[in-house]
Amino acid sequence: MRIFRRNNDNNNYLFVAKSDEIPGCAAHGLTISEALNNFQKTAELWLKWFDNPPN
């Protein structure tokens, strides 16, 4: 898992959580905790879709 700090359009920070083990899966938040929490939710949805992709 990697966490990046990025500037948004208002010169505020956003934190981005990303994992090499789940390609294309990333999430962001205003805090590190929020980014990690959002990533967990996103990863669960990604894995659910991966196990049962739409026809």
C-alpha atoms as a PDB file:
ATOM      1  CA  MET A   1       0.000   0.000   0.000  1.00  0.00           C
ATOM      2  CA  ARG A   2       1.207   3.457  -0.853  1.00  0.00           C
ATOM      3  CA  ILE A   3      -0.190   6.790   0.257  1.00  0.00           C
ATOM      4  CA  PHE A   4       0.495   9.980  -1.665  1.00  0.00           C
ATOM      5  CA  ARG A   5      -0.183  13.544  -0.681  1.00  0.00           C
ATOM      6  CA  ARG A   6      -1.505  15.572  -3.586  1.00  0.00           C
ATOM      7  CA  ASN A   7      -2.500  19.200  -3.971  1.00  0.00           C
ATOM      8  CA  ASN A   8      -6.026  19.804  -5.190  1.00  0.00           C
ATOM      9  CA  ASP A   9      -7.241  22.845  -7.116  1.00  0.00           C
ATOM     10  CA  ASN A  10      -7.585  24.966  -3.970  1.00  0.00           C
ATOM     11  CA  ASN A  11      -3.999  24.338  -2.794  1.00  0.00           C
ATOM     12  CA  ASN A  12      -5.326  22.000  -0.121  1.00  0.00           C
ATOM     13  CA  TYR A  13      -4.060  18.478   0.334  1.00  0.00           C
ATOM     14  CA  LEU A  14      -5.717  15.222  -0.600  1.00  0.00           C
ATOM     15  CA  PHE A  15      -4.304  11.855   0.362  1.00  0.00           C
ATOM     16  CA  VAL A  16      -4.417   9.035  -2.188  1.00  0.00           C
ATOM     17  CA  ALA A  17      -4.182   5.369  -1.182  1.00  0.00           C
ATOM     18  CA  LYS A  18      -3.111   2.848  -3.809  1.00  0.00           C
ATOM     19  CA  SER A  19      -2.009  -0.770  -3.888  1.00  0.00           C
ATOM     20  CA  ASP A  20       0.072  -2.543  -6.537  1.00  0.00           C
ATOM     21  CA  GLU A  21      -1.671  -5.812  -5.637  1.00  0.00           C
ATOM     22  CA  ILE A  22      -5.023  -4.462  -6.885  1.00  0.00           C
ATOM     23  CA  PRO A  23      -4.323  -2.742 -10.220  1.00  0.00           C
ATOM     24  CA  GLY A  24      -6.439   0.304 -10.934  1.00  0.00           C
ATOM     25  CA  CYS A  25      -7.833   0.453  -7.412  1.00  0.00           C
ATOM     26  CA  ALA A  26      -7.258   3.737  -5.585  1.00  0.00           C
ATOM     27  CA  ALA A  27      -9.142   6.038  -3.246  1.00  0.00           C
ATOM     28  CA  HIS A  28      -8.631   9.469  -1.747  1.00  0.00           C
ATOM     29  CA  GLY A  29      -9.573  11.425   1.363  1.00  0.00           C
ATOM     30  CA  LEU A  30      -8.884  14.637   3.210  1.00  0.00           C
ATOM     31  CA  THR A  31      -6.907  12.705   5.848  1.00  0.00           C
ATOM     32  CA  ILE A  32      -4.776   9.575   5.739  1.00  0.00           C
ATOM     33  CA  SER A  33      -7.407   7.712   7.769  1.00  0.00           C
ATOM     34  CA  GLU A  34     -10.151   8.758   5.386  1.00  0.00           C
ATOM     35  CA  ALA A  35      -8.099   7.691   2.373  1.00  0.00           C
ATOM     36  CA  LEU A  36      -7.401   4.289   3.944  1.00  0.00           C
ATOM     37  CA  ASN A  37     -11.049   3.800   4.908  1.00  0.00           C
ATOM     38  CA  ASN A  38     -12.180   4.762   1.404  1.00  0.00           C
ATOM     39  CA  PHE A  39      -9.573   2.444  -0.087  1.00  0.00           C
ATOM     40  CA  GLN A  40     -10.834  -0.473   1.990  1.00  0.00           C
ATOM     41  CA  LYS A  41     -14.390   0.089   0.744  1.00  0.00           C
ATOM     42  CA  THR A  42     -13.205   0.503  -2.847  1.00  0.00           C
ATOM     43  CA  ALA A  43     -11.017  -2.607  -2.684  1.00  0.00           C
ATOM     44  CA  GLU A  44     -13.922  -4.679  -1.354  1.00  0.00           C
ATOM     45  CA  LEU A  45     -16.119  -3.548  -4.249  1.00  0.00           C
ATOM     46  CA  TRP A  46     -13.289  -4.122  -6.746  1.00  0.00           C
ATOM     47  CA  LEU A  47     -12.693  -7.663  -5.468  1.00  0.00           C
ATOM     48  CA  LYS A  48     -16.427  -8.437  -5.450  1.00  0.00           C
ATOM     49  CA  TRP A  49     -16.644  -7.300  -9.085  1.00  0.00           C
ATOM     50  CA  PHE A  50     -13.485  -9.229 -10.009  1.00  0.00           C
ATOM     51  CA  ASP A  51     -14.933 -12.455  -8.551  1.00  0.00           C
ATOM     52  CA  ASN A  52     -18.216 -11.962 -10.420  1.00  0.00           C
ATOM     53  CA  PRO A  53     -17.831  -9.546 -13.377  1.00  0.00           C
ATOM     54  CA  PRO A  54     -20.975  -8.432 -15.206  1.00  0.00           C
ATOM     55  CA  ASN A  55     -21.886 -10.360 -18.334  1.00  0.00           C
END
